[in-house]
PDB file of all heavy atoms in Angstrom:
ATOM      1  N   ILE A   1     -12.798   4.441  -1.769  1.00  0.00           N
ATOM      2  CA  ILE A   1     -11.505   4.693  -1.122  1.00  0.00           C
ATOM      3  C   ILE A   1     -10.913   3.459  -0.476  1.00  0.00           C
ATOM      4  O   ILE A   1      -9.760   3.066  -0.793  1.00  0.00           O
ATOM      5  CB  ILE A   1     -11.612   5.844  -0.110  1.00  0.00           C
ATOM      6  CG1 ILE A   1     -11.933   7.167  -0.851  1.00  0.00           C
ATOM      7  CG2 ILE A   1     -10.325   5.992   0.662  1.00  0.00           C
ATOM      8  CD1 ILE A   1     -12.103   8.378   0.081  1.00  0.00           C
ATOM      9  N   PRO A   2     -11.611   2.762   0.384  1.00  0.00           N
ATOM     10  CA  PRO A   2     -11.008   1.531   0.950  1.00  0.00           C
ATOM     11  C   PRO A   2     -10.834   0.395  -0.044  1.00  0.00           C
ATOM     12  O   PRO A   2      -9.898  -0.374   0.068  1.00  0.00           O
ATOM     13  CB  PRO A   2     -12.039   1.123   2.060  1.00  0.00           C
ATOM     14  CG  PRO A   2     -13.294   1.755   1.704  1.00  0.00           C
ATOM     15  CD  PRO A   2     -12.881   3.032   1.027  1.00  0.00           C
ATOM     16  N   LEU A   3     -11.699   0.376  -1.067  1.00  0.00           N
ATOM     17  CA  LEU A   3     -11.507  -0.633  -2.090  1.00  0.00           C
ATOM     18  C   LEU A   3     -10.206  -0.410  -2.912  1.00  0.00           C
ATOM     19  O   LEU A   3      -9.498  -1.346  -3.178  1.00  0.00           O
ATOM     20  CB  LEU A   3     -12.826  -0.577  -3.038  1.00  0.00           C
ATOM     21  CG  LEU A   3     -14.073  -1.120  -2.475  1.00  0.00           C
ATOM     22  CD1 LEU A   3     -15.225  -0.905  -3.518  1.00  0.00           C
ATOM     23  CD2 LEU A   3     -13.967  -2.557  -1.982  1.00  0.00           C
ATOM     24  N   LEU A   4      -9.976   0.865  -3.218  1.00  0.00           N
ATOM     25  CA  LEU A   4      -8.804   1.216  -4.013  1.00  0.00           C
ATOM     26  C   LEU A   4      -7.576   0.980  -3.067  1.00  0.00           C
ATOM     27  O   LEU A   4      -6.500   0.544  -3.641  1.00  0.00           O
ATOM     28  CB  LEU A   4      -8.848   2.617  -4.464  1.00  0.00           C
ATOM     29  CG  LEU A   4      -9.777   2.970  -5.619  1.00  0.00           C
ATOM     30  CD1 LEU A   4      -9.822   4.434  -5.914  1.00  0.00           C
ATOM     31  CD2 LEU A   4      -9.491   2.166  -6.823  1.00  0.00           C
ATOM     32  N   GLY A   5      -7.683   1.260  -1.838  1.00  0.00           N
ATOM     33  CA  GLY A   5      -6.586   1.082  -0.893  1.00  0.00           C
ATOM     34  C   GLY A   5      -6.290  -0.474  -0.723  1.00  0.00           C
ATOM     35  O   GLY A   5      -5.076  -0.839  -0.823  1.00  0.00           O
ATOM     36  N   ALA A   6      -7.277  -1.198  -0.668  1.00  0.00           N
ATOM     37  CA  ALA A   6      -7.011  -2.691  -0.544  1.00  0.00           C
ATOM     38  C   ALA A   6      -6.404  -3.236  -1.860  1.00  0.00           C
ATOM     39  O   ALA A   6      -5.557  -4.051  -1.868  1.00  0.00           O
ATOM     40  CB  ALA A   6      -8.374  -3.390  -0.207  1.00  0.00           C
ATOM     41  N   LEU A   7      -6.856  -2.704  -3.010  1.00  0.00           N
ATOM     42  CA  LEU A   7      -6.320  -3.173  -4.311  1.00  0.00           C
ATOM     43  C   LEU A   7      -4.894  -2.788  -4.404  1.00  0.00           C
ATOM     44  O   LEU A   7      -4.020  -3.639  -4.750  1.00  0.00           O
ATOM     45  CB  LEU A   7      -7.110  -2.471  -5.420  1.00  0.00           C
ATOM     46  CG  LEU A   7      -6.592  -2.761  -6.817  1.00  0.00           C
ATOM     47  CD1 LEU A   7      -6.619  -4.281  -7.152  1.00  0.00           C
ATOM     48  CD2 LEU A   7      -7.390  -2.040  -7.932  1.00  0.00           C
ATOM     49  N   TRP A   8      -4.537  -1.543  -4.049  1.00  0.00           N
ATOM     50  CA  TRP A   8      -3.134  -1.151  -4.158  1.00  0.00           C
ATOM     51  C   TRP A   8      -2.278  -1.918  -3.147  1.00  0.00           C
ATOM     52  O   TRP A   8      -1.073  -2.240  -3.432  1.00  0.00           O
ATOM     53  CB  TRP A   8      -3.055   0.359  -3.860  1.00  0.00           C
ATOM     54  CG  TRP A   8      -1.651   0.909  -4.322  1.00  0.00           C
ATOM     55  CD1 TRP A   8      -0.564   1.189  -3.625  1.00  0.00           C
ATOM     56  CD2 TRP A   8      -1.299   1.185  -5.719  1.00  0.00           C
ATOM     57  NE1 TRP A   8       0.418   1.698  -4.362  1.00  0.00           N
ATOM     58  CE2 TRP A   8       0.028   1.609  -5.732  1.00  0.00           C
ATOM     59  CE3 TRP A   8      -1.904   1.045  -6.990  1.00  0.00           C
ATOM     60  CZ2 TRP A   8       0.726   2.001  -6.825  1.00  0.00           C
ATOM     61  CZ3 TRP A   8      -1.176   1.454  -8.105  1.00  0.00           C
ATOM     62  CH2 TRP A   8       0.027   1.864  -8.024  1.00  0.00           C
ATOM     63  N   GLY A   9      -2.763  -2.202  -1.979  1.00  0.00           N
ATOM     64  CA  GLY A   9      -2.001  -2.994  -1.051  1.00  0.00           C
ATOM     65  C   GLY A   9      -1.797  -4.394  -1.569  1.00  0.00           C
ATOM     66  O   GLY A   9      -0.671  -4.904  -1.396  1.00  0.00           O
ATOM     67  N   GLY A  10      -2.748  -4.971  -2.281  1.00  0.00           N
ATOM     68  CA  GLY A  10      -2.476  -6.265  -2.851  1.00  0.00           C
ATOM     69  C   GLY A  10      -1.391  -6.172  -3.908  1.00  0.00           C
ATOM     70  O   GLY A  10      -0.558  -7.102  -4.119  1.00  0.00           O
ATOM     71  N   LEU A  11      -1.425  -5.081  -4.713  1.00  0.00           N
ATOM     72  CA  LEU A  11      -0.347  -4.943  -5.760  1.00  0.00           C
ATOM     73  C   LEU A  11       0.985  -4.863  -5.125  1.00  0.00           C
ATOM     74  O   LEU A  11       2.020  -5.308  -5.629  1.00  0.00           O
ATOM     75  CB  LEU A  11      -0.672  -3.722  -6.636  1.00  0.00           C
ATOM     76  CG  LEU A  11      -1.899  -3.771  -7.513  1.00  0.00           C
ATOM     77  CD1 LEU A  11      -2.095  -2.497  -8.239  1.00  0.00           C
ATOM     78  CD2 LEU A  11      -1.735  -4.999  -8.523  1.00  0.00           C
ATOM     79  N   LEU A  12       1.073  -4.180  -3.936  1.00  0.00           N
ATOM     80  CA  LEU A  12       2.324  -4.021  -3.291  1.00  0.00           C
ATOM     81  C   LEU A  12       2.825  -5.362  -2.780  1.00  0.00           C
ATOM     82  O   LEU A  12       4.014  -5.678  -2.910  1.00  0.00           O
ATOM     83  CB  LEU A  12       2.163  -3.084  -2.052  1.00  0.00           C
ATOM     84  CG  LEU A  12       1.856  -1.572  -2.356  1.00  0.00           C
ATOM     85  CD1 LEU A  12       1.802  -0.816  -1.066  1.00  0.00           C
ATOM     86  CD2 LEU A  12       3.001  -0.952  -3.217  1.00  0.00           C
ATOM     87  N   LEU A  13       1.961  -6.236  -2.271  1.00  0.00           N
ATOM     88  CA  LEU A  13       2.337  -7.530  -1.857  1.00  0.00           C
ATOM     89  C   LEU A  13       2.870  -8.388  -3.023  1.00  0.00           C
ATOM     90  O   LEU A  13       3.881  -9.098  -2.949  1.00  0.00           O
ATOM     91  CB  LEU A  13       1.163  -8.237  -1.176  1.00  0.00           C
ATOM     92  CG  LEU A  13       0.740  -7.710   0.187  1.00  0.00           C
ATOM     93  CD1 LEU A  13      -0.486  -8.387   0.677  1.00  0.00           C
ATOM     94  CD2 LEU A  13       1.912  -7.863   1.214  1.00  0.00           C
ATOM     95  N   VAL A  14       2.140  -8.295  -4.157  1.00  0.00           N
ATOM     96  CA  VAL A  14       2.612  -9.044  -5.350  1.00  0.00           C
ATOM     97  C   VAL A  14       3.970  -8.595  -5.830  1.00  0.00           C
ATOM     98  O   VAL A  14       4.859  -9.302  -6.216  1.00  0.00           O
ATOM     99  CB  VAL A  14       1.526  -8.923  -6.499  1.00  0.00           C
ATOM    100  CG1 VAL A  14       2.101  -9.575  -7.776  1.00  0.00           C
ATOM    101  CG2 VAL A  14       0.264  -9.566  -6.049  1.00  0.00           C
ATOM    102  N   GLY A  15       4.140  -7.196  -5.908  1.00  0.00           N
ATOM    103  CA  GLY A  15       5.422  -6.674  -6.293  1.00  0.00           C
ATOM    104  C   GLY A  15       6.485  -7.044  -5.354  1.00  0.00           C
ATOM    105  O   GLY A  15       7.598  -7.250  -5.792  1.00  0.00           O
ATOM    106  N   ALA A  16       6.156  -7.008  -4.066  1.00  0.00           N
ATOM    107  CA  ALA A  16       7.265  -7.431  -3.049  1.00  0.00           C
ATOM    108  C   ALA A  16       7.666  -8.862  -3.278  1.00  0.00           C
ATOM    109  O   ALA A  16       8.821  -9.177  -3.108  1.00  0.00           O
ATOM    110  CB  ALA A  16       6.710  -7.166  -1.697  1.00  0.00           C
ATOM    111  N   ALA A  17       6.692  -9.702  -3.601  1.00  0.00           N
ATOM    112  CA  ALA A  17       7.049 -11.121  -3.777  1.00  0.00           C
ATOM    113  C   ALA A  17       7.919 -11.346  -4.971  1.00  0.00           C
ATOM    114  O   ALA A  17       8.680 -12.323  -5.029  1.00  0.00           O
ATOM    115  CB  ALA A  17       5.741 -11.947  -3.902  1.00  0.00           C
ATOM    116  N   ALA A  18       7.882 -10.484  -5.919  1.00  0.00           N
ATOM    117  CA  ALA A  18       8.657 -10.542  -7.146  1.00  0.00           C
ATOM    118  C   ALA A  18       9.994  -9.789  -6.962  1.00  0.00           C
ATOM    119  O   ALA A  18      10.828  -9.649  -7.918  1.00  0.00           O
ATOM    120  CB  ALA A  18       7.872 -10.031  -8.377  1.00  0.00           C
ATOM    121  N   GLY A  19      10.225  -9.224  -5.741  1.00  0.00           N
ATOM    122  CA  GLY A  19      11.491  -8.459  -5.492  1.00  0.00           C
ATOM    123  C   GLY A  19      11.435  -7.015  -5.801  1.00  0.00           C
ATOM    124  O   GLY A  19      12.468  -6.406  -5.893  1.00  0.00           O
ATOM    125  N   GLY A  20      10.286  -6.501  -5.933  1.00  0.00           N
ATOM    126  CA  GLY A  20      10.093  -5.067  -6.199  1.00  0.00           C
ATOM    127  C   GLY A  20      10.380  -4.183  -5.022  1.00  0.00           C
ATOM    128  O   GLY A  20      10.386  -4.623  -3.837  1.00  0.00           O
ATOM    129  N   ASP A  21      10.612  -2.852  -5.239  1.00  0.00           N
ATOM    130  CA  ASP A  21      10.989  -2.037  -4.140  1.00  0.00           C
ATOM    131  C   ASP A  21      10.426  -0.595  -4.367  1.00  0.00           C
ATOM    132  O   ASP A  21      10.760   0.311  -3.584  1.00  0.00           O
ATOM    133  CB  ASP A  21      12.530  -1.927  -3.975  1.00  0.00           C
ATOM    134  CG  ASP A  21      13.209  -1.450  -5.206  1.00  0.00           C
ATOM    135  OD1 ASP A  21      12.468  -1.127  -6.266  1.00  0.00           O
ATOM    136  OD2 ASP A  21      14.398  -1.310  -5.238  1.00  0.00           O
ATOM    137  N   ASP A  22       9.542  -0.453  -5.323  1.00  0.00           N
ATOM    138  CA  ASP A  22       8.978   0.853  -5.695  1.00  0.00           C
ATOM    139  C   ASP A  22       7.503   0.995  -5.300  1.00  0.00           C
ATOM    140  O   ASP A  22       6.645   0.231  -5.728  1.00  0.00           O
ATOM    141  CB  ASP A  22       9.113   1.201  -7.194  1.00  0.00           C
ATOM    142  CG  ASP A  22       8.899   2.684  -7.472  1.00  0.00           C
ATOM    143  OD1 ASP A  22       8.083   3.308  -6.838  1.00  0.00           O
ATOM    144  OD2 ASP A  22       9.592   3.141  -8.396  1.00  0.00           O
ATOM    145  N   LEU A  23       7.204   1.913  -4.288  1.00  0.00           N
ATOM    146  CA  LEU A  23       5.871   2.025  -3.816  1.00  0.00           C
ATOM    147  C   LEU A  23       4.887   2.466  -4.889  1.00  0.00           C
ATOM    148  O   LEU A  23       3.771   1.979  -4.890  1.00  0.00           O
ATOM    149  CB  LEU A  23       5.918   3.086  -2.707  1.00  0.00           C
ATOM    150  CG  LEU A  23       4.519   3.486  -2.050  1.00  0.00           C
ATOM    151  CD1 LEU A  23       4.015   2.196  -1.328  1.00  0.00           C
ATOM    152  CD2 LEU A  23       4.614   4.649  -1.098  1.00  0.00           C
ATOM    153  N   TRP A  24       5.364   3.261  -5.923  1.00  0.00           N
ATOM    154  CA  TRP A  24       4.434   3.749  -6.940  1.00  0.00           C
ATOM    155  C   TRP A  24       4.470   2.917  -8.214  1.00  0.00           C
ATOM    156  O   TRP A  24       3.655   3.024  -9.103  1.00  0.00           O
ATOM    157  CB  TRP A  24       4.833   5.227  -7.331  1.00  0.00           C
ATOM    158  CG  TRP A  24       4.832   6.057  -6.109  1.00  0.00           C
ATOM    159  CD1 TRP A  24       5.826   6.745  -5.488  1.00  0.00           C
ATOM    160  CD2 TRP A  24       3.652   6.434  -5.328  1.00  0.00           C
ATOM    161  NE1 TRP A  24       5.524   7.388  -4.376  1.00  0.00           N
ATOM    162  CE2 TRP A  24       4.090   7.306  -4.244  1.00  0.00           C
ATOM    163  CE3 TRP A  24       2.257   6.160  -5.327  1.00  0.00           C
ATOM    164  CZ2 TRP A  24       3.249   7.805  -3.230  1.00  0.00           C
ATOM    165  CZ3 TRP A  24       1.468   6.654  -4.428  1.00  0.00           C
ATOM    166  CH2 TRP A  24       1.898   7.570  -3.394  1.00  0.00           C
ATOM    167  N   GLN A  25       5.426   1.989  -8.315  1.00  0.00           N
ATOM    168  CA  GLN A  25       5.498   1.116  -9.463  1.00  0.00           C
ATOM    169  C   GLN A  25       5.718  -0.281  -8.887  1.00  0.00           C
ATOM    170  O   GLN A  25       6.807  -0.886  -9.151  1.00  0.00           O
ATOM    171  CB  GLN A  25       6.581   1.510 -10.435  1.00  0.00           C
ATOM    172  CG  GLN A  25       6.323   2.892 -11.061  1.00  0.00           C
ATOM    173  CD  GLN A  25       7.476   3.296 -12.037  1.00  0.00           C
ATOM    174  OE1 GLN A  25       8.433   2.480 -12.197  1.00  0.00           O
ATOM    175  NE2 GLN A  25       7.267   4.383 -12.683  1.00  0.00           N
ATOM    176  N   PRO A  26       4.769  -0.860  -8.177  1.00  0.00           N
ATOM    177  CA  PRO A  26       5.071  -2.176  -7.487  1.00  0.00           C
ATOM    178  C   PRO A  26       5.325  -3.376  -8.442  1.00  0.00           C
ATOM    179  O   PRO A  26       5.874  -4.327  -8.120  1.00  0.00           O
ATOM    180  CB  PRO A  26       3.781  -2.374  -6.668  1.00  0.00           C
ATOM    181  CG  PRO A  26       2.755  -1.537  -7.350  1.00  0.00           C
ATOM    182  CD  PRO A  26       3.435  -0.339  -7.893  1.00  0.00           C
ATOM    183  N   LEU A  27       4.680  -3.223  -9.669  1.00  0.00           N
ATOM    184  CA  LEU A  27       4.822  -4.289 -10.629  1.00  0.00           C
ATOM    185  C   LEU A  27       5.954  -4.109 -11.591  1.00  0.00           C
ATOM    186  O   LEU A  27       6.084  -4.807 -12.624  1.00  0.00           O
ATOM    187  CB  LEU A  27       3.502  -4.445 -11.433  1.00  0.00           C
ATOM    188  CG  LEU A  27       2.198  -4.757 -10.516  1.00  0.00           C
ATOM    189  CD1 LEU A  27       1.087  -4.916 -11.543  1.00  0.00           C
ATOM    190  CD2 LEU A  27       2.368  -5.929  -9.696  1.00  0.00           C
ATOM    191  N   GLN A  28       6.855  -3.175 -11.247  1.00  0.00           N
ATOM    192  CA  GLN A  28       8.035  -2.977 -12.152  1.00  0.00           C
ATOM    193  C   GLN A  28       8.911  -4.158 -12.397  1.00  0.00           C
ATOM    194  O   GLN A  28       9.412  -4.335 -13.565  1.00  0.00           O
ATOM    195  CB  GLN A  28       8.827  -1.774 -11.561  1.00  0.00           C
ATOM    196  CG  GLN A  28       9.867  -1.198 -12.505  1.00  0.00           C
ATOM    197  CD  GLN A  28      10.635  -0.116 -11.885  1.00  0.00           C
ATOM    198  OE1 GLN A  28      11.396  -0.268 -10.922  1.00  0.00           O
ATOM    199  NE2 GLN A  28      10.502   1.075 -12.438  1.00  0.00           N
ATOM    200  N   PRO A  29       9.064  -5.066 -11.401  1.00  0.00           N
ATOM    201  CA  PRO A  29       9.910  -6.258 -11.729  1.00  0.00           C
ATOM    202  C   PRO A  29       9.407  -7.090 -12.829  1.00  0.00           C
ATOM    203  O   PRO A  29      10.212  -7.700 -13.613  1.00  0.00           O
ATOM    204  CB  PRO A  29       9.893  -7.076 -10.447  1.00  0.00           C
ATOM    205  CG  PRO A  29       9.545  -6.022  -9.375  1.00  0.00           C
ATOM    206  CD  PRO A  29       8.679  -5.047 -10.053  1.00  0.00           C
ATOM    207  N   PHE A  30       8.048  -7.101 -13.102  1.00  0.00           N
ATOM    208  CA  PHE A  30       7.500  -7.826 -14.265  1.00  0.00           C
ATOM    209  C   PHE A  30       7.834  -7.229 -15.515  1.00  0.00           C
ATOM    210  O   PHE A  30       7.787  -7.845 -16.605  1.00  0.00           O
ATOM    211  CB  PHE A  30       6.069  -8.030 -14.051  1.00  0.00           C
ATOM    212  CG  PHE A  30       5.729  -8.822 -12.763  1.00  0.00           C
ATOM    213  CD1 PHE A  30       5.273  -8.171 -11.704  1.00  0.00           C
ATOM    214  CD2 PHE A  30       5.783 -10.178 -12.744  1.00  0.00           C
ATOM    215  CE1 PHE A  30       5.009  -8.898 -10.499  1.00  0.00           C
ATOM    216  CE2 PHE A  30       5.457 -10.922 -11.623  1.00  0.00           C
ATOM    217  CZ  PHE A  30       4.992 -10.277 -10.503  1.00  0.00           C
ATOM    218  N   ALA A  31       8.155  -5.844 -15.516  1.00  0.00           N
ATOM    219  CA  ALA A  31       8.578  -5.199 -16.844  1.00  0.00           C
ATOM    220  C   ALA A  31       9.983  -5.405 -17.224  1.00  0.00           C
ATOM    221  O   ALA A  31      10.377  -5.255 -18.306  1.00  0.00           O
ATOM    222  CB  ALA A  31       8.205  -3.675 -16.647  1.00  0.00           C
ATOM    223  N   GLY A  32      10.761  -5.841 -16.103  1.00  0.00           N
ATOM    224  CA  GLY A  32      12.185  -6.163 -16.463  1.00  0.00           C
ATOM    225  C   GLY A  32      13.067  -4.974 -16.664  1.00  0.00           C
ATOM    226  O   GLY A  32      14.221  -5.165 -17.119  1.00  0.00           O
ATOM    227  N   SER A  33      12.649  -3.746 -16.343  1.00  0.00           N
ATOM    228  CA  SER A  33      13.425  -2.596 -16.525  1.00  0.00           C
ATOM    229  C   SER A  33      14.009  -1.949 -15.292  1.00  0.00           C
ATOM    230  O   SER A  33      14.977  -1.235 -15.362  1.00  0.00           O
ATOM    231  CB  SER A  33      12.661  -1.438 -17.299  1.00  0.00           C
ATOM    232  OG  SER A  33      11.496  -1.101 -16.523  1.00  0.00           O
ATOM    233  N   GLY A  34      13.409  -2.238 -14.164  1.00  0.00           N
ATOM    234  CA  GLY A  34      13.761  -1.605 -12.925  1.00  0.00           C
ATOM    235  C   GLY A  34      15.163  -1.993 -12.464  1.00  0.00           C
ATOM    236  O   GLY A  34      16.012  -1.106 -12.168  1.00  0.00           O
ATOM    237  N   VAL A  35      15.415  -3.330 -12.420  1.00  0.00           N
ATOM    238  CA  VAL A  35      16.725  -3.753 -11.978  1.00  0.00           C
ATOM    239  C   VAL A  35      17.852  -3.298 -13.001  1.00  0.00           C
ATOM    240  O   VAL A  35      18.977  -2.906 -12.564  1.00  0.00           O
ATOM    241  CB  VAL A  35      16.735  -5.240 -11.899  1.00  0.00           C
ATOM    242  CG1 VAL A  35      18.092  -5.800 -11.535  1.00  0.00           C
ATOM    243  CG2 VAL A  35      15.714  -5.718 -10.851  1.00  0.00           C
ATOM    244  N   GLN A  36      17.502  -3.306 -14.266  1.00  0.00           N
ATOM    245  CA  GLN A  36      18.552  -2.886 -15.236  1.00  0.00           C
ATOM    246  C   GLN A  36      18.886  -1.487 -15.029  1.00  0.00           C
ATOM    247  O   GLN A  36      20.146  -1.111 -15.105  1.00  0.00           O
ATOM    248  CB  GLN A  36      18.033  -3.211 -16.628  1.00  0.00           C
ATOM    249  CG  GLN A  36      17.867  -4.680 -17.020  1.00  0.00           C
ATOM    250  CD  GLN A  36      17.275  -4.915 -18.345  1.00  0.00           C
ATOM    251  OE1 GLN A  36      17.156  -4.002 -19.103  1.00  0.00           O
ATOM    252  NE2 GLN A  36      16.991  -6.170 -18.665  1.00  0.00           N
ATOM    253  N   SER A  37      17.973  -0.616 -14.921  1.00  0.00           N
ATOM    254  CA  SER A  37      18.290   0.788 -14.829  1.00  0.00           C
ATOM    255  C   SER A  37      19.005   1.146 -13.476  1.00  0.00           C
ATOM    256  O   SER A  37      19.947   1.945 -13.536  1.00  0.00           O
ATOM    257  CB  SER A  37      16.981   1.664 -14.930  1.00  0.00           C
ATOM    258  OG  SER A  37      16.105   1.263 -13.748  1.00  0.00           O
ATOM    259  N   ALA A  38      18.659   0.417 -12.462  1.00  0.00           N
ATOM    260  CA  ALA A  38      19.328   0.666 -11.129  1.00  0.00           C
ATOM    261  C   ALA A  38      20.814   0.166 -11.301  1.00  0.00           C
ATOM    262  O   ALA A  38      21.763   0.815 -10.751  1.00  0.00           O
ATOM    263  CB  ALA A  38      18.675  -0.095 -10.016  1.00  0.00           C
ATOM    264  N   ALA A  39      20.939  -0.978 -11.943  1.00  0.00           N
ATOM    265  CA  ALA A  39      22.322  -1.469 -12.055  1.00  0.00           C
ATOM    266  C   ALA A  39      23.188  -0.562 -13.013  1.00  0.00           C
ATOM    267  O   ALA A  39      24.325  -0.359 -12.766  1.00  0.00           O
ATOM    268  CB  ALA A  39      22.287  -2.886 -12.680  1.00  0.00           C
ATOM    269  N   LYS A  40      22.537   0.008 -14.054  1.00  0.00           N
ATOM    270  CA  LYS A  40      23.252   0.874 -14.903  1.00  0.00           C
ATOM    271  C   LYS A  40      23.723   2.063 -14.234  1.00  0.00           C
ATOM    272  O   LYS A  40      24.855   2.616 -14.361  1.00  0.00           O
ATOM    273  CB  LYS A  40      22.318   1.231 -16.102  1.00  0.00           C
ATOM    274  CG  LYS A  40      23.042   2.145 -17.149  1.00  0.00           C
ATOM    275  CD  LYS A  40      22.108   2.414 -18.309  1.00  0.00           C
ATOM    276  CE  LYS A  40      22.754   3.290 -19.338  1.00  0.00           C
ATOM    277  NZ  LYS A  40      21.906   3.588 -20.489  1.00  0.00           N
ATOM    278  N   ALA A  41      22.809   2.691 -13.315  1.00  0.00           N
ATOM    279  CA  ALA A  41      23.197   3.846 -12.499  1.00  0.00           C
ATOM    280  C   ALA A  41      24.278   3.514 -11.578  1.00  0.00           C
ATOM    281  O   ALA A  41      25.212   4.330 -11.385  1.00  0.00           O
ATOM    282  CB  ALA A  41      21.932   4.378 -11.773  1.00  0.00           C
ATOM    283  N   GLU A  42      24.307   2.404 -10.894  1.00  0.00           N
ATOM    284  CA  GLU A  42      25.344   1.991 -10.059  1.00  0.00           C
ATOM    285  C   GLU A  42      26.680   1.815 -10.720  1.00  0.00           C
ATOM    286  O   GLU A  42      27.790   2.168 -10.214  1.00  0.00           O
ATOM    287  CB  GLU A  42      24.987   0.750  -9.221  1.00  0.00           C
ATOM    288  CG  GLU A  42      25.958   0.369  -8.148  1.00  0.00           C
ATOM    289  CD  GLU A  42      25.488  -0.897  -7.360  1.00  0.00           C
ATOM    290  OE1 GLU A  42      24.375  -1.361  -7.612  1.00  0.00           O
ATOM    291  OE2 GLU A  42      26.222  -1.335  -6.515  1.00  0.00           O
TER     292      GLU A  42
END
């Protein structure tokens, strides 16, 4: 449990550094689809 928590916390930091904003998909900025879909909705 603490190992998985630390791993997920690290992924959140990496995703935040790339401009991510999704708790459940922290690496979404590297896929290139998150910003596009949000912009399309707006």
